[in-house]
């Protein structure tokens, strides 16, 4: 019933691309349609190939840091970008999210996280590898969630907008948010639109990055 996702693999190591293809081959409704081993080849693939998902190695030749993610985001606004890298620097994680990445995975992480990340971004959410969640929040997974009224935003938000910001940061899609808050789907969608408009943000990745900057727990 669900349409198959098409993916581009971008990594300069052929063995990594082969490993990714093996993992993806075991997933339902995901298929690899193109590969690239450097930034220039990737941009060419993005211009010539329609894809839903990009798995991107930040260490590839021709990838000029976070500006490259921003370039991809401009070229393909609807593309879901899953960063896969050996870099676990907190600044890099935060910068990738701010630039427009939808998920951040590390090469030393659990292979099963690839499937979890793809599922999250497919549903409009964001995913962070367990090994880098410390980078965006001092709050542990077992801690109590931050109360909505404790969220300090430089832009004044209503109580409902603060609640929605918190839930988006946790990877919830609008339908889940509506169920959690006990409101209708159109109402949840309207609150989310108002929130993004008030913050001048344009997509879930930007909204999550904003939540990260406020110190909200993610994933």
N, C-alpha and C. Protein backbone atom coordinates (compact mmCIF):
# COMPACT_ATOMS: atom_id res chain seq x y z
N UNK A 1 0.83 -1.20 0.00
CA UNK A 1 0.00 0.00 0.00
C UNK A 1 0.86 1.25 0.00
N UNK A 2 1.97 1.24 0.77
CA UNK A 2 2.87 2.37 0.79
C UNK A 2 3.75 2.37 -0.45
N UNK A 3 3.95 3.58 -1.02
CA UNK A 3 4.80 3.69 -2.19
C UNK A 3 6.25 3.43 -1.78
N UNK A 4 6.97 2.76 -2.66
CA UNK A 4 8.36 2.44 -2.39
C UNK A 4 9.21 3.71 -2.39
N UNK A 5 10.11 3.81 -1.42
CA UNK A 5 11.05 4.93 -1.37
C UNK A 5 12.24 4.63 -2.26
N UNK A 6 12.69 5.63 -3.00
CA UNK A 6 13.88 5.47 -3.82
C UNK A 6 15.05 6.20 -3.15
N UNK A 7 16.21 5.57 -3.15
CA UNK A 7 17.34 6.10 -2.40
C UNK A 7 18.59 6.25 -3.26
N UNK A 8 19.37 7.28 -2.93
CA UNK A 8 20.69 7.48 -3.52
C UNK A 8 21.72 7.27 -2.41
N UNK A 9 22.75 6.49 -2.68
CA UNK A 9 23.82 6.24 -1.73
C UNK A 9 25.04 7.08 -2.12
N UNK A 10 25.54 7.87 -1.19
CA UNK A 10 26.68 8.73 -1.48
C UNK A 10 27.79 8.48 -0.46
N UNK A 11 28.79 7.72 -0.88
CA UNK A 11 29.94 7.40 -0.02
C UNK A 11 31.10 7.05 -0.94
N UNK A 12 32.29 7.52 -0.59
CA UNK A 12 33.42 7.29 -1.48
C UNK A 12 34.03 5.90 -1.34
N UNK A 13 33.54 5.11 -0.39
CA UNK A 13 34.04 3.75 -0.23
C UNK A 13 33.03 2.75 -0.80
N UNK A 14 33.44 2.02 -1.82
CA UNK A 14 32.53 1.07 -2.47
C UNK A 14 32.05 0.01 -1.50
N UNK A 15 32.91 -0.41 -0.58
CA UNK A 15 32.52 -1.46 0.36
C UNK A 15 31.40 -0.98 1.28
N UNK A 16 31.41 0.32 1.61
CA UNK A 16 30.34 0.87 2.44
C UNK A 16 29.03 0.90 1.65
N UNK A 17 29.11 1.31 0.39
CA UNK A 17 27.90 1.35 -0.44
C UNK A 17 27.30 -0.05 -0.60
N UNK A 18 28.18 -1.04 -0.79
CA UNK A 18 27.70 -2.42 -0.92
C UNK A 18 27.03 -2.89 0.37
N UNK A 19 27.61 -2.51 1.50
CA UNK A 19 27.02 -2.88 2.78
C UNK A 19 25.66 -2.23 2.98
N UNK A 20 25.55 -0.97 2.57
CA UNK A 20 24.27 -0.28 2.68
C UNK A 20 23.21 -0.93 1.78
N UNK A 21 23.63 -1.29 0.57
CA UNK A 21 22.68 -1.94 -0.35
C UNK A 21 22.20 -3.28 0.22
N UNK A 22 23.09 -3.98 0.90
CA UNK A 22 22.71 -5.25 1.51
C UNK A 22 21.68 -5.02 2.61
N UNK A 23 21.91 -4.01 3.44
CA UNK A 23 20.96 -3.70 4.51
C UNK A 23 19.61 -3.26 3.94
N UNK A 24 19.66 -2.41 2.93
CA UNK A 24 18.43 -1.88 2.34
C UNK A 24 17.65 -2.97 1.61
N UNK A 25 18.36 -3.94 1.04
CA UNK A 25 17.68 -5.01 0.31
C UNK A 25 16.77 -5.83 1.22
N UNK A 26 17.04 -5.79 2.52
CA UNK A 26 16.21 -6.53 3.47
C UNK A 26 15.01 -5.72 3.95
N UNK A 27 14.91 -4.47 3.50
CA UNK A 27 13.82 -3.59 3.93
C UNK A 27 12.69 -3.61 2.92
N UNK A 28 11.49 -3.46 3.42
CA UNK A 28 10.33 -3.36 2.54
C UNK A 28 10.20 -1.93 2.01
N UNK A 29 9.83 -1.82 0.75
CA UNK A 29 9.49 -0.52 0.15
C UNK A 29 10.64 0.49 0.12
N UNK A 30 11.88 0.02 0.02
CA UNK A 30 13.02 0.92 -0.19
C UNK A 30 13.91 0.30 -1.26
N UNK A 31 14.29 1.11 -2.25
CA UNK A 31 15.16 0.60 -3.31
C UNK A 31 16.22 1.64 -3.66
N UNK A 32 17.41 1.16 -3.97
CA UNK A 32 18.52 2.04 -4.35
C UNK A 32 18.46 2.29 -5.85
N UNK A 33 18.43 3.57 -6.23
CA UNK A 33 18.32 3.91 -7.66
C UNK A 33 19.59 4.55 -8.21
N UNK A 34 20.51 4.98 -7.34
CA UNK A 34 21.74 5.61 -7.83
C UNK A 34 22.79 5.61 -6.73
N UNK A 35 24.05 5.76 -7.16
CA UNK A 35 25.18 5.83 -6.23
C UNK A 35 26.11 6.95 -6.66
N UNK A 36 26.87 7.47 -5.70
CA UNK A 36 27.86 8.50 -6.01
C UNK A 36 29.04 8.35 -5.06
N UNK A 37 30.24 8.63 -5.57
CA UNK A 37 31.44 8.49 -4.75
C UNK A 37 32.10 9.82 -4.43
N UNK A 38 31.53 10.93 -4.92
CA UNK A 38 32.06 12.25 -4.59
C UNK A 38 30.95 13.28 -4.75
N UNK A 39 31.21 14.49 -4.28
CA UNK A 39 30.19 15.52 -4.28
C UNK A 39 29.70 15.90 -5.66
N UNK A 40 30.61 16.03 -6.61
CA UNK A 40 30.22 16.43 -7.97
C UNK A 40 29.31 15.38 -8.61
N UNK A 41 29.67 14.10 -8.43
CA UNK A 41 28.84 13.03 -8.99
C UNK A 41 27.46 13.01 -8.33
N UNK A 42 27.42 13.29 -7.03
CA UNK A 42 26.15 13.30 -6.32
C UNK A 42 25.23 14.40 -6.85
N UNK A 43 25.77 15.59 -7.03
CA UNK A 43 24.94 16.69 -7.54
C UNK A 43 24.40 16.34 -8.92
N UNK A 44 25.22 15.67 -9.73
CA UNK A 44 24.76 15.23 -11.05
C UNK A 44 23.62 14.23 -10.94
N UNK A 45 23.74 13.29 -10.00
CA UNK A 45 22.68 12.30 -9.79
C UNK A 45 21.40 12.97 -9.32
N UNK A 46 21.52 13.95 -8.44
CA UNK A 46 20.33 14.64 -7.93
C UNK A 46 19.60 15.40 -9.03
N UNK A 47 20.35 15.88 -10.00
CA UNK A 47 19.73 16.62 -11.11
C UNK A 47 19.06 15.69 -12.11
N UNK A 48 19.56 14.45 -12.21
CA UNK A 48 19.06 13.54 -13.24
C UNK A 48 18.18 12.41 -12.70
N UNK A 49 18.19 12.21 -11.39
CA UNK A 49 17.47 11.06 -10.82
C UNK A 49 16.46 11.53 -9.77
N UNK A 50 15.23 11.08 -9.91
CA UNK A 50 14.22 11.39 -8.90
C UNK A 50 14.39 10.42 -7.73
N UNK A 51 14.61 10.97 -6.56
CA UNK A 51 14.80 10.12 -5.38
C UNK A 51 14.11 10.75 -4.18
N UNK A 52 13.74 9.89 -3.23
CA UNK A 52 13.09 10.35 -2.00
C UNK A 52 14.08 10.51 -0.85
N UNK A 53 15.18 9.76 -0.94
CA UNK A 53 16.06 9.62 0.21
C UNK A 53 17.52 9.67 -0.24
N UNK A 54 18.34 10.35 0.54
CA UNK A 54 19.78 10.39 0.29
C UNK A 54 20.50 9.96 1.55
N UNK A 55 21.38 8.97 1.42
CA UNK A 55 22.26 8.59 2.52
C UNK A 55 23.63 9.16 2.20
N UNK A 56 24.07 10.11 3.00
CA UNK A 56 25.22 10.96 2.66
C UNK A 56 26.36 10.83 3.66
N UNK A 57 27.55 10.54 3.12
CA UNK A 57 28.78 10.55 3.90
C UNK A 57 29.38 11.95 3.83
N UNK A 58 29.51 12.61 4.99
CA UNK A 58 30.05 13.97 5.01
C UNK A 58 31.54 14.02 4.68
N UNK A 59 32.20 12.85 4.74
CA UNK A 59 33.64 12.83 4.49
C UNK A 59 34.03 12.57 3.05
N UNK A 60 33.04 12.54 2.15
CA UNK A 60 33.35 12.29 0.73
C UNK A 60 34.14 13.44 0.11
N UNK A 61 34.98 13.14 -0.88
CA UNK A 61 35.63 14.20 -1.63
C UNK A 61 34.58 15.09 -2.29
N UNK A 62 34.83 16.39 -2.27
CA UNK A 62 33.92 17.31 -2.92
C UNK A 62 32.73 17.74 -2.08
N UNK A 63 32.70 17.30 -0.82
CA UNK A 63 31.63 17.72 0.09
C UNK A 63 32.18 18.80 1.01
N UNK A 64 31.76 20.04 0.74
CA UNK A 64 32.30 21.18 1.47
C UNK A 64 31.49 21.46 2.73
N UNK A 65 31.57 20.54 3.68
CA UNK A 65 30.93 20.75 4.96
C UNK A 65 29.42 20.90 4.88
N UNK A 66 28.89 21.69 5.83
CA UNK A 66 27.44 21.83 5.96
C UNK A 66 26.83 22.62 4.81
N UNK A 67 27.63 23.45 4.16
CA UNK A 67 27.11 24.19 3.02
C UNK A 67 26.65 23.25 1.93
N UNK A 68 27.29 22.08 1.86
CA UNK A 68 26.89 21.09 0.85
C UNK A 68 25.48 20.58 1.13
N UNK A 69 25.16 20.36 2.41
CA UNK A 69 23.80 19.94 2.76
C UNK A 69 22.81 21.02 2.37
N UNK A 70 23.17 22.28 2.65
CA UNK A 70 22.28 23.39 2.29
C UNK A 70 22.08 23.46 0.78
N UNK A 71 23.14 23.19 0.02
CA UNK A 71 23.04 23.18 -1.44
C UNK A 71 22.08 22.08 -1.91
N UNK A 72 22.22 20.90 -1.31
CA UNK A 72 21.33 19.79 -1.65
C UNK A 72 19.89 20.15 -1.31
N UNK A 73 19.70 20.76 -0.16
CA UNK A 73 18.35 21.12 0.28
C UNK A 73 17.70 22.10 -0.69
N UNK A 74 18.51 23.02 -1.24
CA UNK A 74 18.00 23.98 -2.23
C UNK A 74 17.68 23.27 -3.54
N UNK A 75 18.54 22.33 -3.92
CA UNK A 75 18.36 21.61 -5.18
C UNK A 75 17.18 20.65 -5.11
N UNK A 76 16.98 20.02 -3.96
CA UNK A 76 15.92 19.01 -3.81
C UNK A 76 15.23 19.22 -2.46
N UNK A 77 14.32 20.17 -2.37
CA UNK A 77 13.71 20.55 -1.09
C UNK A 77 12.99 19.41 -0.37
N UNK A 78 12.43 18.47 -1.13
CA UNK A 78 11.64 17.39 -0.51
C UNK A 78 12.48 16.15 -0.18
N UNK A 79 13.73 16.17 -0.56
CA UNK A 79 14.60 15.01 -0.33
C UNK A 79 14.85 14.81 1.16
N UNK A 80 14.72 13.56 1.64
CA UNK A 80 15.09 13.25 3.03
C UNK A 80 16.58 12.94 3.06
N UNK A 81 17.31 13.64 3.89
CA UNK A 81 18.76 13.49 3.95
C UNK A 81 19.16 12.78 5.25
N UNK A 82 19.78 11.61 5.09
CA UNK A 82 20.29 10.85 6.23
C UNK A 82 21.81 10.92 6.18
N UNK A 83 22.40 11.63 7.11
CA UNK A 83 23.86 11.72 7.18
C UNK A 83 24.39 10.43 7.82
N UNK A 84 25.40 9.85 7.21
CA UNK A 84 26.07 8.66 7.74
C UNK A 84 27.56 8.96 7.77
N UNK A 85 28.14 9.09 8.95
CA UNK A 85 29.50 9.57 9.05
C UNK A 85 30.20 8.99 10.27
N UNK A 86 31.51 9.12 10.29
CA UNK A 86 32.29 8.71 11.46
C UNK A 86 32.41 9.85 12.46
N UNK A 87 31.95 11.03 12.08
CA UNK A 87 32.10 12.23 12.91
C UNK A 87 31.04 12.29 13.99
N UNK A 88 31.45 12.30 15.25
CA UNK A 88 30.50 12.38 16.37
C UNK A 88 30.66 13.69 17.14
N UNK A 89 31.32 14.67 16.54
CA UNK A 89 31.50 15.97 17.18
C UNK A 89 30.14 16.63 17.39
N UNK A 90 29.83 17.08 18.60
CA UNK A 90 28.53 17.73 18.84
C UNK A 90 28.25 18.89 17.90
N UNK A 91 29.27 19.70 17.62
CA UNK A 91 29.05 20.84 16.73
C UNK A 91 28.66 20.39 15.33
N UNK A 92 29.25 19.29 14.89
CA UNK A 92 28.92 18.78 13.55
C UNK A 92 27.49 18.25 13.50
N UNK A 93 27.07 17.55 14.55
CA UNK A 93 25.70 17.03 14.60
C UNK A 93 24.70 18.19 14.54
N UNK A 94 24.93 19.19 15.38
CA UNK A 94 24.01 20.33 15.41
C UNK A 94 24.01 21.10 14.09
N UNK A 95 25.20 21.24 13.52
CA UNK A 95 25.30 21.98 12.26
C UNK A 95 24.61 21.25 11.12
N UNK A 96 24.72 19.91 11.11
CA UNK A 96 24.06 19.12 10.06
C UNK A 96 22.55 19.27 10.13
N UNK A 97 21.99 19.23 11.34
CA UNK A 97 20.55 19.42 11.52
C UNK A 97 20.13 20.81 11.10
N UNK A 98 20.92 21.81 11.49
CA UNK A 98 20.60 23.18 11.13
C UNK A 98 20.65 23.40 9.63
N UNK A 99 21.56 22.69 8.95
CA UNK A 99 21.71 22.85 7.50
C UNK A 99 20.59 22.17 6.73
N UNK A 100 19.87 21.23 7.39
CA UNK A 100 18.75 20.60 6.70
C UNK A 100 18.74 19.09 6.69
N UNK A 101 19.68 18.45 7.40
CA UNK A 101 19.66 16.98 7.48
C UNK A 101 18.45 16.52 8.29
N UNK A 102 17.87 15.39 7.87
CA UNK A 102 16.72 14.84 8.59
C UNK A 102 17.12 13.78 9.60
N UNK A 103 18.29 13.19 9.43
CA UNK A 103 18.75 12.15 10.35
C UNK A 103 20.27 12.16 10.37
N UNK A 104 20.84 11.69 11.48
CA UNK A 104 22.29 11.66 11.64
C UNK A 104 22.67 10.32 12.24
N UNK A 105 23.39 9.51 11.45
CA UNK A 105 23.84 8.19 11.89
C UNK A 105 25.37 8.15 11.90
N UNK A 106 25.92 7.29 12.75
CA UNK A 106 27.37 7.14 12.80
C UNK A 106 27.77 5.75 12.30
N UNK A 107 28.93 5.67 11.70
CA UNK A 107 29.37 4.42 11.08
C UNK A 107 29.72 3.35 12.10
N UNK A 108 29.87 3.74 13.37
CA UNK A 108 30.13 2.73 14.39
C UNK A 108 28.86 2.35 15.14
N UNK A 109 27.71 2.81 14.62
CA UNK A 109 26.44 2.54 15.29
C UNK A 109 25.86 1.19 14.92
N UNK A 110 24.72 0.89 15.52
CA UNK A 110 24.00 -0.36 15.25
C UNK A 110 23.40 -0.30 13.84
N UNK A 111 23.67 -1.31 13.00
CA UNK A 111 23.10 -1.32 11.64
C UNK A 111 21.58 -1.19 11.62
N UNK A 112 20.92 -1.66 12.67
CA UNK A 112 19.46 -1.59 12.72
C UNK A 112 18.96 -0.15 12.77
N UNK A 113 19.84 0.77 13.16
CA UNK A 113 19.43 2.17 13.24
C UNK A 113 19.16 2.75 11.85
N UNK A 114 19.75 2.16 10.82
CA UNK A 114 19.48 2.65 9.47
C UNK A 114 17.99 2.51 9.15
N UNK A 115 17.43 1.35 9.46
CA UNK A 115 16.01 1.14 9.23
C UNK A 115 15.15 2.07 10.05
N UNK A 116 15.55 2.28 11.32
CA UNK A 116 14.80 3.18 12.19
C UNK A 116 14.83 4.62 11.67
N UNK A 117 16.00 5.02 11.16
CA UNK A 117 16.14 6.38 10.63
C UNK A 117 15.29 6.57 9.37
N UNK A 118 15.33 5.58 8.48
CA UNK A 118 14.55 5.67 7.25
C UNK A 118 13.06 5.72 7.56
N UNK A 119 12.62 4.92 8.51
CA UNK A 119 11.21 4.92 8.90
C UNK A 119 10.81 6.27 9.49
N UNK A 120 11.69 6.84 10.30
CA UNK A 120 11.39 8.13 10.93
C UNK A 120 11.27 9.25 9.89
N UNK A 121 12.24 9.34 8.99
CA UNK A 121 12.21 10.44 8.02
C UNK A 121 11.10 10.24 6.99
N UNK A 122 10.77 8.98 6.70
CA UNK A 122 9.67 8.70 5.78
C UNK A 122 8.37 9.27 6.32
N UNK A 123 8.22 9.23 7.64
CA UNK A 123 7.00 9.71 8.29
C UNK A 123 7.09 11.17 8.72
N UNK A 124 8.10 11.87 8.20
CA UNK A 124 8.21 13.29 8.49
C UNK A 124 8.95 13.63 9.77
N UNK A 125 9.59 12.63 10.39
CA UNK A 125 10.30 12.87 11.63
C UNK A 125 11.79 13.04 11.44
N UNK A 126 12.50 13.07 12.55
CA UNK A 126 13.96 13.21 12.58
C UNK A 126 14.53 12.08 13.43
N UNK A 127 15.74 11.63 13.09
CA UNK A 127 16.34 10.55 13.86
C UNK A 127 17.81 10.87 14.14
N UNK A 128 18.21 10.65 15.38
CA UNK A 128 19.61 10.79 15.76
C UNK A 128 20.12 9.45 16.29
N UNK A 129 21.30 9.06 15.86
CA UNK A 129 21.90 7.82 16.35
C UNK A 129 22.08 7.90 17.86
N UNK A 130 21.96 6.76 18.51
CA UNK A 130 22.11 6.73 19.97
C UNK A 130 23.45 7.28 20.41
N UNK A 131 24.47 7.09 19.57
CA UNK A 131 25.82 7.51 19.95
C UNK A 131 26.02 9.02 19.89
N UNK A 132 25.07 9.76 19.31
CA UNK A 132 25.24 11.22 19.23
C UNK A 132 24.12 12.00 19.90
N UNK A 133 23.19 11.30 20.53
CA UNK A 133 22.11 12.05 21.19
C UNK A 133 22.61 12.94 22.30
N UNK A 134 23.74 12.56 22.90
CA UNK A 134 24.35 13.40 23.93
C UNK A 134 24.74 14.76 23.36
N UNK A 135 24.95 14.81 22.06
CA UNK A 135 25.46 16.03 21.43
C UNK A 135 24.43 17.14 21.38
N UNK A 136 23.16 16.77 21.43
CA UNK A 136 22.13 17.80 21.27
C UNK A 136 21.29 18.00 22.52
N UNK A 137 21.57 17.24 23.56
CA UNK A 137 20.79 17.42 24.78
C UNK A 137 21.54 16.87 25.97
N UNK A 138 21.44 17.55 27.07
CA UNK A 138 22.02 17.06 28.32
C UNK A 138 21.04 16.18 29.07
N UNK A 139 19.85 16.00 28.49
CA UNK A 139 18.82 15.21 29.14
C UNK A 139 18.91 13.78 28.66
N UNK A 140 19.04 12.82 29.55
CA UNK A 140 19.17 11.42 29.19
C UNK A 140 17.86 10.84 28.72
N UNK A 141 17.91 9.69 28.13
CA UNK A 141 16.71 9.04 27.59
C UNK A 141 15.72 8.69 28.70
N UNK A 142 16.22 8.44 29.90
CA UNK A 142 15.34 8.03 30.98
C UNK A 142 14.87 9.20 31.82
N UNK A 143 15.26 10.44 31.45
CA UNK A 143 14.85 11.60 32.21
C UNK A 143 13.41 11.95 31.90
N UNK A 144 12.80 12.69 32.83
CA UNK A 144 11.45 13.17 32.58
C UNK A 144 11.49 14.23 31.50
N UNK A 145 10.49 14.28 30.60
CA UNK A 145 10.47 15.29 29.57
C UNK A 145 10.42 16.67 30.18
N UNK A 146 11.00 17.64 29.50
CA UNK A 146 10.92 19.03 29.94
C UNK A 146 9.48 19.50 29.86
N UNK A 147 9.00 20.15 30.91
CA UNK A 147 7.64 20.67 30.90
C UNK A 147 7.53 21.76 29.85
N UNK A 148 6.38 21.83 29.18
CA UNK A 148 6.20 22.80 28.09
C UNK A 148 6.45 24.22 28.57
N UNK A 149 6.01 24.52 29.82
CA UNK A 149 6.18 25.89 30.30
C UNK A 149 7.63 26.24 30.59
N UNK A 150 8.52 25.21 30.64
CA UNK A 150 9.93 25.46 30.90
C UNK A 150 10.73 25.76 29.64
N UNK A 151 10.10 25.59 28.48
CA UNK A 151 10.79 25.84 27.22
C UNK A 151 10.95 27.34 27.03
N UNK A 152 12.18 27.81 26.97
CA UNK A 152 12.46 29.23 26.82
C UNK A 152 12.84 29.52 25.37
N UNK A 153 11.93 30.14 24.66
CA UNK A 153 12.17 30.47 23.26
C UNK A 153 12.35 31.98 23.12
N UNK A 154 13.31 32.43 22.30
CA UNK A 154 13.48 33.86 22.08
C UNK A 154 12.27 34.48 21.38
N UNK A 155 11.48 33.64 20.70
CA UNK A 155 10.23 34.09 20.08
C UNK A 155 9.08 33.60 20.96
N UNK A 156 8.21 34.50 21.44
CA UNK A 156 7.12 34.09 22.32
C UNK A 156 6.23 33.02 21.67
N UNK A 157 5.98 31.94 22.38
CA UNK A 157 5.14 30.86 21.88
C UNK A 157 3.98 30.62 22.84
N UNK A 158 2.84 30.18 22.29
CA UNK A 158 1.73 29.80 23.14
C UNK A 158 2.04 28.47 23.81
N UNK A 159 1.28 28.12 24.83
CA UNK A 159 1.50 26.84 25.52
C UNK A 159 1.36 25.69 24.53
N UNK A 160 0.36 25.73 23.65
CA UNK A 160 0.15 24.66 22.69
C UNK A 160 1.31 24.58 21.71
N UNK A 161 1.83 25.73 21.26
CA UNK A 161 2.96 25.73 20.33
C UNK A 161 4.20 25.15 21.00
N UNK A 162 4.39 25.43 22.28
CA UNK A 162 5.53 24.86 23.00
C UNK A 162 5.39 23.34 23.10
N UNK A 163 4.17 22.87 23.34
CA UNK A 163 3.93 21.42 23.40
C UNK A 163 4.25 20.76 22.06
N UNK A 164 3.79 21.38 20.99
CA UNK A 164 4.01 20.81 19.66
C UNK A 164 5.50 20.83 19.30
N UNK A 165 6.20 21.90 19.65
CA UNK A 165 7.63 21.96 19.40
C UNK A 165 8.34 20.82 20.11
N UNK A 166 7.96 20.55 21.34
CA UNK A 166 8.56 19.47 22.11
C UNK A 166 8.31 18.11 21.47
N UNK A 167 7.10 17.89 20.99
CA UNK A 167 6.76 16.59 20.41
C UNK A 167 7.40 16.40 19.04
N UNK A 168 7.50 17.47 18.25
CA UNK A 168 8.20 17.39 16.96
C UNK A 168 9.66 17.01 17.19
N UNK A 169 10.26 17.60 18.22
CA UNK A 169 11.67 17.30 18.53
C UNK A 169 11.86 15.83 18.88
N UNK A 170 10.80 15.20 19.40
CA UNK A 170 10.87 13.79 19.77
C UNK A 170 10.58 12.87 18.59
N UNK A 171 10.37 13.47 17.40
CA UNK A 171 10.20 12.67 16.19
C UNK A 171 8.76 12.33 15.85
N UNK A 172 7.81 12.95 16.53
CA UNK A 172 6.40 12.63 16.27
C UNK A 172 5.91 13.33 15.00
N UNK A 173 5.09 12.62 14.23
CA UNK A 173 4.43 13.24 13.09
C UNK A 173 3.14 13.87 13.56
N UNK A 174 2.51 14.67 12.70
CA UNK A 174 1.35 15.45 13.11
C UNK A 174 0.21 14.57 13.63
N UNK A 175 -0.01 13.42 13.02
CA UNK A 175 -1.07 12.52 13.48
C UNK A 175 -0.83 12.06 14.92
N UNK A 176 0.43 11.71 15.21
CA UNK A 176 0.77 11.28 16.57
C UNK A 176 0.61 12.42 17.57
N UNK A 177 0.98 13.62 17.13
CA UNK A 177 0.85 14.79 18.01
C UNK A 177 -0.61 15.03 18.35
N UNK A 178 -1.48 14.92 17.35
CA UNK A 178 -2.91 15.11 17.57
C UNK A 178 -3.44 14.11 18.60
N UNK A 179 -3.02 12.85 18.46
CA UNK A 179 -3.47 11.82 19.40
C UNK A 179 -2.93 12.08 20.80
N UNK A 180 -1.67 12.47 20.89
CA UNK A 180 -1.06 12.71 22.21
C UNK A 180 -1.75 13.87 22.94
N UNK A 181 -2.08 14.92 22.19
CA UNK A 181 -2.66 16.11 22.81
C UNK A 181 -4.18 16.07 22.88
N UNK A 182 -4.79 15.04 22.26
CA UNK A 182 -6.24 14.92 22.29
C UNK A 182 -6.95 15.98 21.47
N UNK A 183 -6.35 16.36 20.34
CA UNK A 183 -6.95 17.35 19.46
C UNK A 183 -7.10 16.74 18.07
N UNK A 184 -7.87 17.40 17.21
CA UNK A 184 -8.09 16.87 15.87
C UNK A 184 -6.84 17.04 15.02
N UNK A 185 -6.73 16.24 13.95
CA UNK A 185 -5.60 16.35 13.05
C UNK A 185 -5.51 17.72 12.40
N UNK A 186 -6.63 18.29 11.89
CA UNK A 186 -6.55 19.65 11.31
C UNK A 186 -6.08 20.69 12.32
N UNK A 187 -6.52 20.55 13.57
CA UNK A 187 -6.10 21.51 14.60
C UNK A 187 -4.61 21.39 14.88
N UNK A 188 -4.12 20.15 14.97
CA UNK A 188 -2.69 19.94 15.20
C UNK A 188 -1.89 20.49 14.03
N UNK A 189 -2.39 20.26 12.81
CA UNK A 189 -1.70 20.75 11.62
C UNK A 189 -1.65 22.28 11.62
N UNK A 190 -2.76 22.92 12.03
CA UNK A 190 -2.81 24.38 12.06
C UNK A 190 -1.85 24.94 13.10
N UNK A 191 -1.80 24.33 14.29
CA UNK A 191 -0.85 24.77 15.32
C UNK A 191 0.59 24.66 14.82
N UNK A 192 0.87 23.56 14.12
CA UNK A 192 2.23 23.35 13.60
C UNK A 192 2.57 24.40 12.54
N UNK A 193 1.62 24.69 11.66
CA UNK A 193 1.83 25.72 10.63
C UNK A 193 2.07 27.08 11.28
N UNK A 194 1.27 27.39 12.31
CA UNK A 194 1.45 28.66 13.01
C UNK A 194 2.81 28.75 13.66
N UNK A 195 3.24 27.63 14.25
CA UNK A 195 4.54 27.59 14.91
C UNK A 195 5.67 27.82 13.91
N UNK A 196 5.61 27.13 12.78
CA UNK A 196 6.67 27.29 11.78
C UNK A 196 6.66 28.69 11.19
N UNK A 197 5.46 29.25 10.99
CA UNK A 197 5.38 30.61 10.46
C UNK A 197 5.95 31.62 11.44
N UNK A 198 5.64 31.45 12.72
CA UNK A 198 6.13 32.37 13.74
C UNK A 198 7.65 32.34 13.85
N UNK A 199 8.23 31.14 13.64
CA UNK A 199 9.68 30.97 13.76
C UNK A 199 10.42 31.13 12.43
N UNK A 200 9.63 31.38 11.34
CA UNK A 200 10.21 31.51 9.99
C UNK A 200 10.98 30.25 9.59
N UNK A 201 10.41 29.09 9.89
CA UNK A 201 11.01 27.80 9.54
C UNK A 201 10.16 27.14 8.47
N UNK A 202 10.79 26.21 7.71
CA UNK A 202 10.12 25.70 6.52
C UNK A 202 9.94 24.19 6.47
N UNK A 203 10.58 23.46 7.36
CA UNK A 203 10.44 22.00 7.32
C UNK A 203 10.73 21.41 8.70
N UNK A 204 10.50 20.12 8.82
CA UNK A 204 10.67 19.43 10.10
C UNK A 204 12.12 19.49 10.59
N UNK A 205 13.06 19.36 9.67
CA UNK A 205 14.48 19.40 10.06
C UNK A 205 14.83 20.73 10.71
N UNK A 206 14.34 21.83 10.12
CA UNK A 206 14.61 23.15 10.69
C UNK A 206 13.93 23.31 12.05
N UNK A 207 12.71 22.79 12.17
CA UNK A 207 11.99 22.88 13.43
C UNK A 207 12.71 22.07 14.52
N UNK A 208 13.22 20.89 14.14
CA UNK A 208 13.96 20.07 15.10
C UNK A 208 15.26 20.75 15.50
N UNK A 209 15.94 21.34 14.53
CA UNK A 209 17.20 22.04 14.83
C UNK A 209 16.95 23.19 15.80
N UNK A 210 15.83 23.88 15.63
CA UNK A 210 15.47 24.98 16.55
C UNK A 210 15.26 24.41 17.96
N UNK A 211 14.54 23.28 18.04
CA UNK A 211 14.31 22.64 19.34
C UNK A 211 15.63 22.21 19.98
N UNK A 212 16.55 21.72 19.16
CA UNK A 212 17.86 21.32 19.65
C UNK A 212 18.59 22.50 20.28
N UNK A 213 18.52 23.65 19.62
CA UNK A 213 19.18 24.85 20.14
C UNK A 213 18.59 25.29 21.48
N UNK A 214 17.32 24.94 21.72
CA UNK A 214 16.70 25.26 23.00
C UNK A 214 16.99 24.22 24.07
N UNK A 215 17.66 23.12 23.66
CA UNK A 215 18.02 22.08 24.61
C UNK A 215 16.97 21.03 24.83
N UNK A 216 16.01 20.91 23.89
CA UNK A 216 14.97 19.89 24.05
C UNK A 216 15.49 18.52 23.68
N UNK A 217 15.03 17.46 24.35
CA UNK A 217 15.45 16.10 23.99
C UNK A 217 14.87 15.72 22.64
N UNK A 218 15.62 14.95 21.85
CA UNK A 218 15.16 14.54 20.52
C UNK A 218 15.11 13.04 20.43
N UNK A 219 14.52 12.57 19.28
CA UNK A 219 14.51 11.14 18.98
C UNK A 219 13.60 10.40 19.92
